[in-house]
Amino acid sequence: MKQYFAGLSRNSFLLAAASFFADTSTEMLYPVLPVFLTRTLRASGSIVGLVEGFAQAAQNIVQGFSGALSDRLQKRKGIALAGYLAAAIAKPLMGISTAWQGVFSARLLDRVGSGTRSAPRDALIASSVDEKVRGKAFGLEGIGDNTGAFVGPLFAIFLLYSLHVGIRTIFYLAIIPGLLAFVMVLLVTERRAAVTAKSKMDVNLRQFPSGYWKYLSVIALFGLGNSSNSFLILRTQDIGAPLETTILMYALFNLAAALISYPAGSFSDKLGRKNVLLASFIIFALTYIGFANAQNVLIFAALFIFYGLYQGIFRAVGKAFASDFVPENLRASGVGWYSSTVGLLELVASVVAGLLWDRVGHAAVFYYGATFAFAGSIGLSVLTPKRDHPSAA
């Protein structure tokens, strides 16, 4: 076991713990949020797509700017702390909302906080270990993130069906693990980069190599079909699954993601990021086809677990691959703009998915996503260079 985690540092484990608590906080709410919007606040499927699309886009677009600011100031920890605090405070604000617009505003604050913290945190992760075990470091953070995402929905089930608390109370209690995440980052020791940063807030495209932009173009192509996971939850409700069963399946999805994250990161260190990431694209496409056609609850449960494999691989390996293309002094920017690309395209995909859901048919959302996943797989194979353990400087 000690050998399995060889090369990881104290910071690696603290940042993984921060991700665990932060995602416990977030995922206590995520599976009940679309139900809260549609049942309690009487919003439509298009509104769910709008709220989640803009929220996720805000999260990831902000990462580009927070990453550039972090590189320019060479200050990772302080910016990350501000983001963790904002995200924690936003949770109870969603619970007190009486209209979908209030949820929209609070959800934006939540995701802006998440976006603010993510790029500098990822730069801290990358700099906490030697380049040869970077995939393992991101995989460990993926364990923390996805384990929190597994525990969070279980807390929600316990609160709703064992303690019989109201759905709004879950939003209020979610601030507690959010603040614990803030404390974990307080304990991190920041190492100042040896190279003076050249990053500027206007982000000169010439500072990144061509391979990085080819990679981002492939991520954008794939992202056109990668809509919010809220539609998976609505699809499960669509076949008549009880809310507690839906939340449990979502928890299993996150457990699968947690279990695969570290092995995926480790394999990408040995087998190459490109090969492992390609597997995640194919898993996504096949799973979406399954969601379009399945009607049985047990099959849905299996699909959620299979989809979790995609999530765990994509989160760990996608960011590690992005960081491979850039030097250390631009790493927060490189990972940040990668995440911005993911977020911007998720906005587009979620808005399109909401329209398809309301006007064409529920299965159309998933056929649409699978189409772009296959297109992204081709693009990854053809356009993206292999960039394993590069000397990016």
Protein backbone atom coordinates (compact mmCIF):
# COMPACT_ATOMS: atom_id res chain seq x y z
CA MET A 1 0.00 0.00 0.00
CA LYS A 2 2.84 2.38 0.87
CA GLN A 3 4.40 1.69 -2.53
CA TYR A 4 1.04 2.31 -4.21
CA PHE A 5 1.03 5.91 -2.92
CA ALA A 6 4.79 6.44 -3.31
CA GLY A 7 5.82 9.90 -4.49
CA LEU A 8 2.80 11.73 -3.08
CA SER A 9 3.25 14.55 -0.56
CA ARG A 10 1.42 15.91 2.51
CA ASN A 11 -0.09 18.61 0.29
CA SER A 12 -1.42 15.90 -2.05
CA PHE A 13 -3.43 14.35 0.77
CA LEU A 14 -4.63 17.68 2.21
CA LEU A 15 -5.87 18.82 -1.18
CA ALA A 16 -7.60 15.47 -1.70
CA ALA A 17 -9.28 15.92 1.71
CA ALA A 18 -10.38 19.44 0.69
CA SER A 19 -11.95 18.01 -2.46
CA PHE A 20 -13.69 15.33 -0.39
CA PHE A 21 -15.37 17.85 1.91
CA ALA A 22 -16.14 20.31 -0.89
CA ASP A 23 -17.82 17.67 -3.01
CA THR A 24 -19.67 16.22 -0.03
CA SER A 25 -21.15 19.70 0.37
CA THR A 26 -21.97 20.08 -3.33
CA GLU A 27 -23.33 16.59 -3.91
CA MET A 28 -25.64 16.71 -0.91
CA LEU A 29 -27.53 19.16 -3.11
CA TYR A 30 -26.89 18.13 -6.70
CA PRO A 31 -29.29 15.15 -6.96
CA VAL A 32 -32.11 17.02 -5.19
CA LEU A 33 -31.57 20.35 -6.99
CA PRO A 34 -33.39 19.46 -10.25
CA VAL A 35 -36.24 17.98 -8.20
CA PHE A 36 -36.32 21.11 -6.01
CA LEU A 37 -36.52 23.24 -9.16
CA THR A 38 -39.17 21.21 -10.98
CA ARG A 39 -41.38 20.11 -8.06
CA THR A 40 -40.99 22.75 -5.35
CA LEU A 41 -40.43 25.81 -7.56
CA ARG A 42 -42.37 24.48 -10.63
CA ALA A 43 -39.59 25.17 -13.15
CA SER A 44 -39.45 23.43 -16.55
CA GLY A 45 -36.77 21.16 -18.01
CA SER A 46 -35.47 24.10 -20.05
CA ILE A 47 -34.99 26.08 -16.83
CA VAL A 48 -33.04 23.18 -15.30
CA GLY A 49 -30.79 23.15 -18.37
CA LEU A 50 -30.41 26.93 -18.21
CA VAL A 51 -29.56 27.00 -14.49
CA GLU A 52 -27.10 24.12 -14.64
CA GLY A 53 -25.61 25.13 -17.97
CA PHE A 54 -24.86 28.71 -16.89
CA ALA A 55 -23.70 27.56 -13.44
CA GLN A 56 -21.24 25.01 -14.79
CA ALA A 57 -20.09 27.40 -17.50
CA ALA A 58 -19.49 30.12 -14.91
CA GLN A 59 -17.48 27.67 -12.81
CA ASN A 60 -15.21 26.63 -15.61
CA ILE A 61 -14.86 29.98 -17.37
CA VAL A 62 -13.83 31.61 -14.09
CA GLN A 63 -11.12 28.96 -13.77
CA GLY A 64 -9.32 30.46 -16.76
CA PHE A 65 -9.21 33.90 -15.18
CA SER A 66 -8.38 32.65 -11.70
CA GLY A 67 -5.65 30.49 -13.21
CA ALA A 68 -4.17 33.44 -15.10
CA LEU A 69 -4.34 35.60 -11.95
CA SER A 70 -2.75 32.83 -9.91
CA ASP A 71 0.10 32.50 -12.41
CA ARG A 72 0.63 36.25 -12.59
CA LEU A 73 0.77 36.66 -8.80
CA GLN A 74 2.29 33.21 -8.17
CA LYS A 75 -0.26 32.93 -5.36
CA ARG A 76 -2.23 29.71 -5.41
CA LYS A 77 -3.41 29.17 -1.85
CA GLY A 78 -5.05 32.55 -1.13
CA ILE A 79 -7.13 32.50 -4.32
CA ALA A 80 -8.17 28.90 -3.67
CA LEU A 81 -9.27 29.77 -0.13
CA ALA A 82 -11.49 32.61 -1.37
CA GLY A 83 -13.19 30.21 -3.74
CA TYR A 84 -13.81 27.55 -1.10
CA LEU A 85 -15.39 30.12 1.21
CA ALA A 86 -17.69 31.59 -1.46
CA ALA A 87 -18.91 28.13 -2.48
CA ALA A 88 -19.68 27.18 1.13
CA ILE A 89 -21.70 30.36 1.78
CA ALA A 90 -23.75 29.91 -1.41
CA LYS A 91 -25.28 26.59 -0.33
CA PRO A 92 -27.81 27.91 2.24
CA LEU A 93 -28.68 30.80 -0.09
CA MET A 94 -30.14 28.27 -2.54
CA GLY A 95 -32.27 26.81 0.23
CA ILE A 96 -33.93 30.11 1.13
CA SER A 97 -34.90 30.85 -2.49
CA THR A 98 -38.61 31.01 -3.30
CA ALA A 99 -38.25 31.24 -7.09
CA TRP A 100 -35.94 29.64 -9.64
CA GLN A 101 -34.22 32.99 -10.21
CA GLY A 102 -32.98 32.95 -6.60
CA VAL A 103 -31.61 29.43 -7.03
CA PHE A 104 -30.00 30.58 -10.28
CA SER A 105 -28.17 33.45 -8.54
CA ALA A 106 -27.01 31.35 -5.58
CA ARG A 107 -25.97 28.48 -7.85
CA LEU A 108 -23.90 30.95 -9.89
CA LEU A 109 -22.14 32.13 -6.72
CA ASP A 110 -21.53 28.51 -5.72
CA ARG A 111 -19.98 27.62 -9.08
CA VAL A 112 -18.02 30.87 -9.36
CA GLY A 113 -16.50 30.01 -5.99
CA SER A 114 -15.74 26.51 -7.22
CA GLY A 115 -14.21 27.90 -10.41
CA THR A 116 -12.10 30.40 -8.49
CA ARG A 117 -10.54 27.70 -6.34
CA SER A 118 -10.09 24.95 -8.92
CA ALA A 119 -7.27 26.18 -11.17
CA PRO A 120 -4.94 27.33 -8.35
CA ARG A 121 -5.76 24.13 -6.45
CA ASP A 122 -4.88 22.06 -9.52
CA ALA A 123 -1.63 23.98 -9.87
CA LEU A 124 -0.88 23.18 -6.22
CA ILE A 125 -1.57 19.51 -6.94
CA ALA A 126 0.72 19.50 -9.99
CA SER A 127 3.54 21.21 -8.10
CA SER A 128 3.19 18.99 -5.03
CA VAL A 129 4.81 15.98 -6.73
CA ASP A 130 7.40 15.02 -9.29
CA GLU A 131 6.24 15.09 -12.91
CA LYS A 132 6.57 11.29 -13.21
CA VAL A 133 3.73 10.73 -10.71
CA ARG A 134 1.52 13.68 -11.66
CA GLY A 135 -1.25 11.38 -12.85
CA LYS A 136 -1.27 9.69 -9.44
CA ALA A 137 -1.54 13.09 -7.71
CA PHE A 138 -4.56 14.07 -9.80
CA GLY A 139 -5.96 10.57 -9.31
CA LEU A 140 -5.71 10.96 -5.52
CA GLU A 141 -7.57 14.27 -5.73
CA GLY A 142 -10.12 12.46 -7.88
CA ILE A 143 -10.57 9.88 -5.11
CA GLY A 144 -11.30 12.68 -2.64
CA ASP A 145 -13.61 14.51 -5.01
CA ASN A 146 -15.61 11.49 -6.11
CA THR A 147 -15.74 9.88 -2.65
CA GLY A 148 -17.25 13.13 -1.39
CA ALA A 149 -19.64 12.98 -4.30
CA PHE A 150 -20.62 9.47 -3.15
CA VAL A 151 -21.01 10.39 0.53
CA GLY A 152 -22.96 13.60 -0.17
CA PRO A 153 -26.03 11.94 -1.74
CA LEU A 154 -26.04 9.32 1.04
CA PHE A 155 -26.22 12.16 3.58
CA ALA A 156 -29.12 13.58 1.59
CA ILE A 157 -30.95 10.23 1.69
CA PHE A 158 -30.30 9.90 5.43
CA LEU A 159 -31.58 13.41 6.11
CA LEU A 160 -34.64 13.09 3.89
CA TYR A 161 -35.81 9.58 4.70
CA SER A 162 -34.36 8.73 8.14
CA LEU A 163 -34.50 12.10 9.90
CA HIS A 164 -37.38 13.35 7.70
CA VAL A 165 -35.95 16.85 7.35
CA GLY A 166 -37.32 19.19 4.71
CA ILE A 167 -35.54 19.49 1.37
CA ARG A 168 -34.56 23.09 2.15
CA THR A 169 -32.76 22.00 5.35
CA ILE A 170 -30.30 19.98 3.27
CA PHE A 171 -29.16 23.20 1.61
CA TYR A 172 -28.56 24.78 5.03
CA LEU A 173 -26.53 21.84 6.39
CA ALA A 174 -24.33 21.65 3.31
CA ILE A 175 -22.33 24.64 4.55
CA ILE A 176 -20.65 22.45 7.22
CA PRO A 177 -18.52 20.23 4.95
CA GLY A 178 -17.91 23.28 2.77
CA LEU A 179 -16.21 25.05 5.66
CA LEU A 180 -14.21 21.91 6.52
CA ALA A 181 -12.80 22.00 2.97
CA PHE A 182 -11.69 25.59 3.61
CA VAL A 183 -9.84 24.42 6.75
CA MET A 184 -7.99 21.68 4.82
CA VAL A 185 -6.60 24.22 2.36
CA LEU A 186 -5.52 26.47 5.24
CA LEU A 187 -3.14 23.66 6.25
CA VAL A 188 -1.50 23.41 2.81
CA THR A 189 2.09 24.67 2.47
CA GLU A 190 2.53 26.66 -0.74
CA ARG A 191 5.79 26.34 -2.67
CA ARG A 192 6.62 29.37 -4.74
CA ALA A 193 7.49 28.64 -8.38
CA ALA A 194 11.14 29.03 -9.29
CA VAL A 195 10.30 30.67 -12.63
CA THR A 196 8.83 34.15 -12.90
CA ALA A 197 5.37 33.97 -14.40
CA LYS A 198 4.71 35.39 -17.84
CA SER A 199 0.97 34.93 -17.75
CA LYS A 200 -1.17 37.99 -18.43
CA MET A 201 -4.84 38.44 -17.74
CA ASP A 202 -5.49 38.99 -21.46
CA VAL A 203 -4.07 35.52 -22.12
CA ASN A 204 -1.82 35.83 -25.19
CA LEU A 205 -2.48 32.67 -27.18
CA ARG A 206 1.19 32.42 -28.21
CA GLN A 207 2.27 31.53 -24.68
CA PHE A 208 0.82 28.02 -25.06
CA PRO A 209 2.20 25.41 -27.51
CA SER A 210 0.21 24.25 -30.54
CA GLY A 211 -0.32 20.78 -29.05
CA TYR A 212 -2.20 22.36 -26.15
CA TRP A 213 -4.64 24.11 -28.49
CA LYS A 214 -5.18 20.95 -30.56
CA TYR A 215 -6.04 19.16 -27.35
CA LEU A 216 -8.47 21.92 -26.33
CA SER A 217 -10.18 21.78 -29.73
CA VAL A 218 -10.84 18.06 -29.21
CA ILE A 219 -12.16 18.70 -25.68
CA ALA A 220 -14.48 21.36 -27.15
CA LEU A 221 -15.80 18.94 -29.79
CA PHE A 222 -16.51 16.30 -27.16
CA GLY A 223 -17.99 18.93 -24.82
CA LEU A 224 -20.67 19.95 -27.32
CA GLY A 225 -22.58 16.84 -26.24
CA ASN A 226 -21.59 16.75 -22.58
CA SER A 227 -24.65 18.29 -20.94
CA SER A 228 -25.39 18.58 -17.23
CA ASN A 229 -25.79 15.38 -15.22
CA SER A 230 -29.15 16.80 -14.10
CA PHE A 231 -30.62 15.25 -17.23
CA LEU A 232 -29.51 11.80 -16.04
CA ILE A 233 -31.45 12.42 -12.83
CA LEU A 234 -34.52 13.69 -14.70
CA ARG A 235 -34.30 10.70 -17.05
CA THR A 236 -34.31 8.34 -14.06
CA GLN A 237 -37.36 10.10 -12.65
CA ASP A 238 -38.83 9.81 -16.14
CA ILE A 239 -39.09 6.00 -15.85
CA GLY A 240 -40.81 6.26 -12.47
CA ALA A 241 -37.90 5.59 -10.10
CA PRO A 242 -38.50 6.91 -6.54
CA LEU A 243 -36.42 9.91 -5.50
CA GLU A 244 -34.45 7.93 -2.90
CA THR A 245 -33.60 5.29 -5.53
CA THR A 246 -32.51 8.01 -7.94
CA ILE A 247 -30.24 9.58 -5.31
CA LEU A 248 -28.78 6.17 -4.44
CA MET A 249 -27.99 5.47 -8.09
CA TYR A 250 -26.33 8.86 -8.35
CA ALA A 251 -24.26 7.98 -5.27
CA LEU A 252 -23.17 4.72 -6.94
CA PHE A 253 -22.12 6.74 -9.99
CA ASN A 254 -19.83 8.83 -7.79
CA LEU A 255 -18.49 5.76 -5.98
CA ALA A 256 -17.49 4.22 -9.30
CA ALA A 257 -15.80 7.49 -10.24
CA ALA A 258 -13.93 7.54 -6.94
CA LEU A 259 -12.72 3.96 -7.30
CA ILE A 260 -11.44 4.43 -10.86
CA SER A 261 -9.82 7.87 -10.43
CA TYR A 262 -6.51 6.83 -8.87
CA PRO A 263 -5.95 3.72 -11.03
CA ALA A 264 -6.80 5.79 -14.13
CA GLY A 265 -4.29 8.49 -13.18
CA SER A 266 -1.65 5.88 -12.41
CA PHE A 267 -2.27 4.01 -15.68
CA SER A 268 -2.02 7.28 -17.61
CA ASP A 269 1.46 7.77 -16.11
CA LYS A 270 2.46 4.39 -17.56
CA LEU A 271 0.30 3.85 -20.65
CA GLY A 272 -0.11 7.44 -21.82
CA ARG A 273 -2.82 10.01 -21.16
CA LYS A 274 -4.23 9.83 -24.69
CA ASN A 275 -5.05 6.12 -24.60
CA VAL A 276 -6.74 6.26 -21.20
CA LEU A 277 -8.71 9.42 -22.07
CA LEU A 278 -9.93 7.83 -25.31
CA ALA A 279 -11.39 4.98 -23.28
CA SER A 280 -13.40 7.50 -21.24
CA PHE A 281 -14.88 9.08 -24.39
CA ILE A 282 -16.02 5.69 -25.66
CA ILE A 283 -17.52 4.78 -22.27
CA PHE A 284 -19.45 8.09 -22.31
CA ALA A 285 -20.88 7.42 -25.77
CA LEU A 286 -22.00 3.88 -24.97
CA THR A 287 -23.54 4.94 -21.67
CA TYR A 288 -25.52 7.76 -23.27
CA ILE A 289 -26.93 5.35 -25.85
CA GLY A 290 -27.99 3.17 -22.92
CA PHE A 291 -29.73 6.07 -21.17
CA ALA A 292 -31.62 6.83 -24.39
CA ASN A 293 -33.06 3.32 -24.62
CA ALA A 294 -33.27 1.74 -21.16
CA GLN A 295 -36.53 1.55 -19.21
CA ASN A 296 -35.58 -0.78 -16.33
CA VAL A 297 -34.38 0.60 -12.98
CA LEU A 298 -31.69 -2.09 -12.59
CA ILE A 299 -30.29 -1.28 -16.03
CA PHE A 300 -30.26 2.40 -15.08
CA ALA A 301 -28.28 1.53 -11.95
CA ALA A 302 -25.73 -0.33 -14.07
CA LEU A 303 -25.54 2.61 -16.48
CA PHE A 304 -24.89 5.05 -13.63
CA ILE A 305 -22.00 2.88 -12.43
CA PHE A 306 -20.62 2.62 -15.98
CA TYR A 307 -20.96 6.38 -16.40
CA GLY A 308 -19.01 6.81 -13.17
CA LEU A 309 -16.04 5.13 -14.85
CA TYR A 310 -16.10 7.87 -17.50
CA GLN A 311 -16.34 10.59 -14.87
CA GLY A 312 -13.42 9.33 -12.79
CA ILE A 313 -11.13 8.82 -15.79
CA PHE A 314 -12.01 12.12 -17.47
CA ARG A 315 -11.54 14.21 -14.34
CA ALA A 316 -8.16 12.75 -13.40
CA VAL A 317 -6.59 12.23 -16.82
CA GLY A 318 -8.08 15.21 -18.67
CA LYS A 319 -6.51 17.76 -16.32
CA ALA A 320 -3.22 15.86 -16.06
CA PHE A 321 -2.99 15.79 -19.87
CA ALA A 322 -3.67 19.54 -20.07
CA SER A 323 -0.94 20.26 -17.52
CA ASP A 324 1.52 18.13 -19.52
CA PHE A 325 1.51 20.62 -22.38
CA VAL A 326 2.55 23.73 -20.42
CA PRO A 327 5.51 24.80 -18.22
CA GLU A 328 5.07 25.12 -14.45
CA ASN A 329 4.81 28.91 -14.39
CA LEU A 330 1.77 28.73 -16.70
CA ARG A 331 0.24 25.59 -15.24
CA ALA A 332 -2.72 27.20 -13.48
CA SER A 333 -3.58 29.05 -16.70
CA GLY A 334 -3.22 25.91 -18.79
CA VAL A 335 -5.47 23.80 -16.57
CA GLY A 336 -7.79 26.77 -16.01
CA TRP A 337 -8.43 27.42 -19.70
CA TYR A 338 -8.89 23.70 -20.24
CA SER A 339 -11.64 23.81 -17.59
CA SER A 340 -13.06 26.98 -19.15
CA THR A 341 -13.42 25.11 -22.43
CA VAL A 342 -15.20 22.26 -20.66
CA GLY A 343 -17.56 24.70 -18.94
CA LEU A 344 -18.38 26.87 -21.92
CA LEU A 345 -19.26 23.87 -24.04
CA GLU A 346 -21.26 22.34 -21.18
CA LEU A 347 -23.35 25.51 -21.20
CA VAL A 348 -24.04 25.08 -24.91
CA ALA A 349 -24.73 21.36 -24.49
CA SER A 350 -27.06 21.90 -21.52
CA VAL A 351 -29.11 24.60 -23.24
CA VAL A 352 -29.44 22.42 -26.34
CA ALA A 353 -30.31 19.42 -24.15
CA GLY A 354 -33.03 21.41 -22.37
CA LEU A 355 -34.59 22.34 -25.69
CA LEU A 356 -34.37 18.76 -26.95
CA TRP A 357 -35.90 17.51 -23.68
CA ASP A 358 -38.91 19.84 -23.93
CA ARG A 359 -39.48 19.94 -27.69
CA VAL A 360 -38.13 16.78 -29.31
CA GLY A 361 -37.99 13.96 -26.78
CA HIS A 362 -36.10 12.87 -23.72
CA ALA A 363 -34.04 10.23 -25.53
CA ALA A 364 -32.85 12.85 -28.03
CA VAL A 365 -30.69 14.44 -25.32
CA PHE A 366 -28.62 11.27 -25.04
CA TYR A 367 -28.36 10.49 -28.76
CA TYR A 368 -27.10 14.04 -29.22
CA GLY A 369 -24.45 13.55 -26.51
CA ALA A 370 -23.34 10.17 -27.87
CA THR A 371 -22.85 11.63 -31.36
CA PHE A 372 -20.39 14.24 -30.16
CA ALA A 373 -18.64 11.73 -27.91
CA PHE A 374 -17.88 9.56 -30.94
CA ALA A 375 -16.78 12.66 -32.87
CA GLY A 376 -14.51 13.63 -29.97
CA SER A 377 -13.02 10.13 -29.94
CA ILE A 378 -12.06 10.47 -33.60
CA GLY A 379 -10.63 13.94 -32.98
CA LEU A 380 -8.59 12.73 -30.00
CA SER A 381 -7.14 9.89 -32.07
CA VAL A 382 -6.29 12.05 -35.10
CA LEU A 383 -5.52 15.57 -33.85
CA THR A 384 -4.05 15.31 -30.36
CA PRO A 385 -0.31 14.60 -30.09
CA LYS A 386 0.97 12.11 -27.56
CA ARG A 387 2.52 14.15 -24.78
CA ASP A 388 3.67 11.79 -22.05
CA HIS A 389 5.92 13.19 -19.30
CA PRO A 390 7.03 16.10 -21.49
CA SER A 391 9.55 18.72 -20.75
CA ALA A 392 7.02 21.47 -21.31
CA ALA A 393 9.31 24.36 -20.54
